[in-house]
Amino acid sequence: MFDLKRLTLLIALLVASTVTLVTAAVLSDPMRPSAGYAVSTAVQSERVNSQGDWVLQSVLVGAERAVAVIDGVPVSRGELYRGARLLKVQAGQVILQAKGGKKIVLKLTPGIHMKMVFAETEINRK
């Protein structure tokens, strides 16, 4: 038979594990987009959207593949997105080619213009 200390410990462990399971079920993935953010591909294709409204949200560049997430839709290099073919995926931007040969450049941070700045060192001062 169990003595009182062991029984109390067993009950405490059961309660703690139940609370942990319930808490884990309630928690959501912090990297998951909010509920209103995700739009199905069918709805995306029906939306009338000019190239100026396209938003580059993420890029994945690897040795084997390159993928851009545009308006929530993953597009691999060479695939079409709303009639434009994804030509190049770079760290901060992608280049698409629309019908008629028009190039479309989408940037991850369109309002930020980067420039190279070199630290001043003893060698540069001489």
C-alpha atoms as a PDB file:
ATOM      1  CA  MET A   1       0.000   0.000   0.000  1.00  0.00           C
ATOM      2  CA  PHE A   2       0.960   3.596  -0.533  1.00  0.00           C
ATOM      3  CA  ASP A   3       1.767   5.741   2.388  1.00  0.00           C
ATOM      4  CA  LEU A   4       0.389   9.302   2.554  1.00  0.00           C
ATOM      5  CA  LYS A   5       3.579  11.012   1.272  1.00  0.00           C
ATOM      6  CA  ARG A   6       3.775   8.800  -1.836  1.00  0.00           C
ATOM      7  CA  LEU A   7       0.080   9.210  -2.545  1.00  0.00           C
ATOM      8  CA  THR A   8       0.365  13.009  -2.235  1.00  0.00           C
ATOM      9  CA  LEU A   9       3.403  13.017  -4.535  1.00  0.00           C
ATOM     10  CA  LEU A  10       1.612  10.859  -7.107  1.00  0.00           C
ATOM     11  CA  ILE A  11      -1.433  13.151  -7.103  1.00  0.00           C
ATOM     12  CA  ALA A  12       0.788  16.228  -7.426  1.00  0.00           C
ATOM     13  CA  LEU A  13       2.621  14.686 -10.400  1.00  0.00           C
ATOM     14  CA  LEU A  14      -0.661  13.775 -12.099  1.00  0.00           C
ATOM     15  CA  VAL A  15      -2.031  17.295 -11.618  1.00  0.00           C
ATOM     16  CA  ALA A  16       1.200  18.869 -12.880  1.00  0.00           C
ATOM     17  CA  SER A  17       1.304  16.675 -15.992  1.00  0.00           C
ATOM     18  CA  THR A  18      -2.362  17.417 -16.743  1.00  0.00           C
ATOM     19  CA  VAL A  19      -1.772  21.165 -16.403  1.00  0.00           C
ATOM     20  CA  THR A  20       1.263  20.881 -18.685  1.00  0.00           C
ATOM     21  CA  LEU A  21      -0.711  19.028 -21.355  1.00  0.00           C
ATOM     22  CA  VAL A  22      -3.580  21.527 -21.227  1.00  0.00           C
ATOM     23  CA  THR A  23      -1.180  24.476 -21.393  1.00  0.00           C
ATOM     24  CA  ALA A  24       0.686  22.957 -24.343  1.00  0.00           C
ATOM     25  CA  ALA A  25      -2.575  22.446 -26.219  1.00  0.00           C
ATOM     26  CA  VAL A  26      -3.530  26.111 -25.741  1.00  0.00           C
ATOM     27  CA  LEU A  27      -0.186  27.526 -26.910  1.00  0.00           C
ATOM     28  CA  SER A  28       0.135  28.305 -30.601  1.00  0.00           C
ATOM     29  CA  ASP A  29       3.113  28.399 -32.911  1.00  0.00           C
ATOM     30  CA  PRO A  30       4.663  31.885 -32.574  1.00  0.00           C
ATOM     31  CA  MET A  31       5.855  31.792 -36.207  1.00  0.00           C
ATOM     32  CA  ARG A  32       2.391  31.003 -37.579  1.00  0.00           C
ATOM     33  CA  PRO A  33       0.711  33.924 -39.395  1.00  0.00           C
ATOM     34  CA  SER A  34      -2.389  35.397 -37.790  1.00  0.00           C
ATOM     35  CA  ALA A  35      -5.772  33.952 -38.763  1.00  0.00           C
ATOM     36  CA  GLY A  36      -6.696  36.761 -41.156  1.00  0.00           C
ATOM     37  CA  TYR A  37      -3.325  36.712 -42.876  1.00  0.00           C
ATOM     38  CA  ALA A  38      -3.479  33.371 -44.687  1.00  0.00           C
ATOM     39  CA  VAL A  39      -5.460  33.448 -47.906  1.00  0.00           C
ATOM     40  CA  SER A  40      -6.013  30.325 -49.966  1.00  0.00           C
ATOM     41  CA  THR A  41      -4.430  30.036 -53.414  1.00  0.00           C
ATOM     42  CA  ALA A  42      -7.880  29.992 -55.039  1.00  0.00           C
ATOM     43  CA  VAL A  43      -8.778  33.315 -53.434  1.00  0.00           C
ATOM     44  CA  GLN A  44      -5.330  34.715 -54.296  1.00  0.00           C
ATOM     45  CA  SER A  45      -5.777  33.944 -57.994  1.00  0.00           C
ATOM     46  CA  GLU A  46      -9.210  35.599 -58.042  1.00  0.00           C
ATOM     47  CA  ARG A  47      -7.973  38.835 -56.497  1.00  0.00           C
ATOM     48  CA  VAL A  48      -7.244  41.624 -58.920  1.00  0.00           C
ATOM     49  CA  ASN A  49      -3.815  42.845 -57.963  1.00  0.00           C
ATOM     50  CA  SER A  50      -1.296  44.923 -59.861  1.00  0.00           C
ATOM     51  CA  GLN A  51       2.437  44.236 -59.572  1.00  0.00           C
ATOM     52  CA  GLY A  52       2.761  47.314 -57.362  1.00  0.00           C
ATOM     53  CA  ASP A  53       0.681  45.568 -54.714  1.00  0.00           C
ATOM     54  CA  TRP A  54       2.729  42.368 -54.644  1.00  0.00           C
ATOM     55  CA  VAL A  55       4.579  41.882 -51.365  1.00  0.00           C
ATOM     56  CA  LEU A  56       7.737  39.815 -51.043  1.00  0.00           C
ATOM     57  CA  GLN A  57       7.525  38.310 -47.575  1.00  0.00           C
ATOM     58  CA  SER A  58      10.378  35.818 -47.445  1.00  0.00           C
ATOM     59  CA  VAL A  59      13.125  34.182 -49.484  1.00  0.00           C
ATOM     60  CA  LEU A  60      14.869  30.845 -49.178  1.00  0.00           C
ATOM     61  CA  VAL A  61      18.085  30.525 -51.152  1.00  0.00           C
ATOM     62  CA  GLY A  62      19.957  27.248 -51.096  1.00  0.00           C
ATOM     63  CA  ALA A  63      22.289  25.245 -53.296  1.00  0.00           C
ATOM     64  CA  GLU A  64      19.462  22.997 -54.492  1.00  0.00           C
ATOM     65  CA  ARG A  65      16.515  25.385 -54.676  1.00  0.00           C
ATOM     66  CA  ALA A  66      15.348  28.964 -54.390  1.00  0.00           C
ATOM     67  CA  VAL A  67      11.873  29.891 -53.162  1.00  0.00           C
ATOM     68  CA  ALA A  68      10.170  33.248 -52.635  1.00  0.00           C
ATOM     69  CA  VAL A  69       7.004  33.824 -50.629  1.00  0.00           C
ATOM     70  CA  ILE A  70       4.972  36.453 -52.475  1.00  0.00           C
ATOM     71  CA  ASP A  71       1.631  37.484 -50.963  1.00  0.00           C
ATOM     72  CA  GLY A  72       1.687  34.315 -48.851  1.00  0.00           C
ATOM     73  CA  VAL A  73       2.244  32.008 -51.835  1.00  0.00           C
ATOM     74  CA  PRO A  74       5.520  30.041 -52.106  1.00  0.00           C
ATOM     75  CA  VAL A  75       6.965  30.368 -55.624  1.00  0.00           C
ATOM     76  CA  SER A  76      10.025  28.403 -56.764  1.00  0.00           C
ATOM     77  CA  ARG A  77      12.547  29.705 -59.268  1.00  0.00           C
ATOM     78  CA  GLY A  78      11.152  29.149 -62.770  1.00  0.00           C
ATOM     79  CA  GLU A  79       7.491  28.980 -61.670  1.00  0.00           C
ATOM     80  CA  LEU A  80       4.766  31.413 -62.706  1.00  0.00           C
ATOM     81  CA  TYR A  81       3.119  33.795 -60.266  1.00  0.00           C
ATOM     82  CA  ARG A  82       0.130  35.682 -61.671  1.00  0.00           C
ATOM     83  CA  GLY A  83       1.499  35.443 -65.184  1.00  0.00           C
ATOM     84  CA  ALA A  84       5.082  36.435 -64.288  1.00  0.00           C
ATOM     85  CA  ARG A  85       7.937  33.915 -64.186  1.00  0.00           C
ATOM     86  CA  LEU A  86      10.279  33.986 -61.183  1.00  0.00           C
ATOM     87  CA  LEU A  87      13.746  34.390 -62.704  1.00  0.00           C
ATOM     88  CA  LYS A  88      16.066  35.132 -59.801  1.00  0.00           C
ATOM     89  CA  VAL A  89      15.891  34.808 -56.021  1.00  0.00           C
ATOM     90  CA  GLN A  90      18.478  36.772 -54.050  1.00  0.00           C
ATOM     91  CA  ALA A  91      18.954  37.426 -50.342  1.00  0.00           C
ATOM     92  CA  GLY A  92      16.952  40.659 -50.303  1.00  0.00           C
ATOM     93  CA  GLN A  93      14.985  40.653 -53.538  1.00  0.00           C
ATOM     94  CA  VAL A  94      13.479  38.643 -56.381  1.00  0.00           C
ATOM     95  CA  ILE A  95      13.192  39.332 -60.087  1.00  0.00           C
ATOM     96  CA  LEU A  96      10.192  38.220 -62.120  1.00  0.00           C
ATOM     97  CA  GLN A  97       9.555  38.568 -65.833  1.00  0.00           C
ATOM     98  CA  ALA A  98       6.028  39.447 -66.953  1.00  0.00           C
ATOM     99  CA  LYS A  99       4.507  38.926 -70.379  1.00  0.00           C
ATOM    100  CA  GLY A 100       6.171  41.177 -72.912  1.00  0.00           C
ATOM    101  CA  GLY A 101       9.543  40.877 -71.178  1.00  0.00           C
ATOM    102  CA  LYS A 102       8.844  43.471 -68.453  1.00  0.00           C
ATOM    103  CA  LYS A 103      11.058  42.869 -65.369  1.00  0.00           C
ATOM    104  CA  ILE A 104       9.485  43.144 -61.930  1.00  0.00           C
ATOM    105  CA  VAL A 105      11.755  43.591 -58.907  1.00  0.00           C
ATOM    106  CA  LEU A 106      10.302  42.891 -55.467  1.00  0.00           C
ATOM    107  CA  LYS A 107      12.342  43.739 -52.374  1.00  0.00           C
ATOM    108  CA  LEU A 108      12.046  42.406 -48.829  1.00  0.00           C
ATOM    109  CA  THR A 109      12.581  45.877 -47.412  1.00  0.00           C
ATOM    110  CA  PRO A 110      11.381  48.278 -50.131  1.00  0.00           C
ATOM    111  CA  GLY A 111      11.713  51.424 -48.008  1.00  0.00           C
ATOM    112  CA  ILE A 112      15.277  50.702 -46.924  1.00  0.00           C
ATOM    113  CA  HIS A 113      18.202  51.456 -49.206  1.00  0.00           C
ATOM    114  CA  MET A 114      21.406  49.741 -48.136  1.00  0.00           C
ATOM    115  CA  LYS A 115      24.907  50.964 -48.845  1.00  0.00           C
ATOM    116  CA  MET A 116      28.275  49.540 -47.911  1.00  0.00           C
ATOM    117  CA  VAL A 117      30.035  51.304 -45.043  1.00  0.00           C
ATOM    118  CA  PHE A 118      33.605  50.406 -44.165  1.00  0.00           C
ATOM    119  CA  ALA A 119      35.009  50.842 -40.696  1.00  0.00           C
ATOM    120  CA  GLU A 120      37.910  53.241 -40.453  1.00  0.00           C
ATOM    121  CA  THR A 121      41.099  51.441 -39.522  1.00  0.00           C
ATOM    122  CA  GLU A 122      44.721  52.466 -38.994  1.00  0.00           C
ATOM    123  CA  ILE A 123      45.549  51.209 -42.484  1.00  0.00           C
ATOM    124  CA  ASN A 124      42.828  53.359 -44.103  1.00  0.00           C
ATOM    125  CA  ARG A 125      43.980  56.516 -42.294  1.00  0.00           C
ATOM    126  CA  LYS A 126      47.542  56.434 -43.702  1.00  0.00           C
END
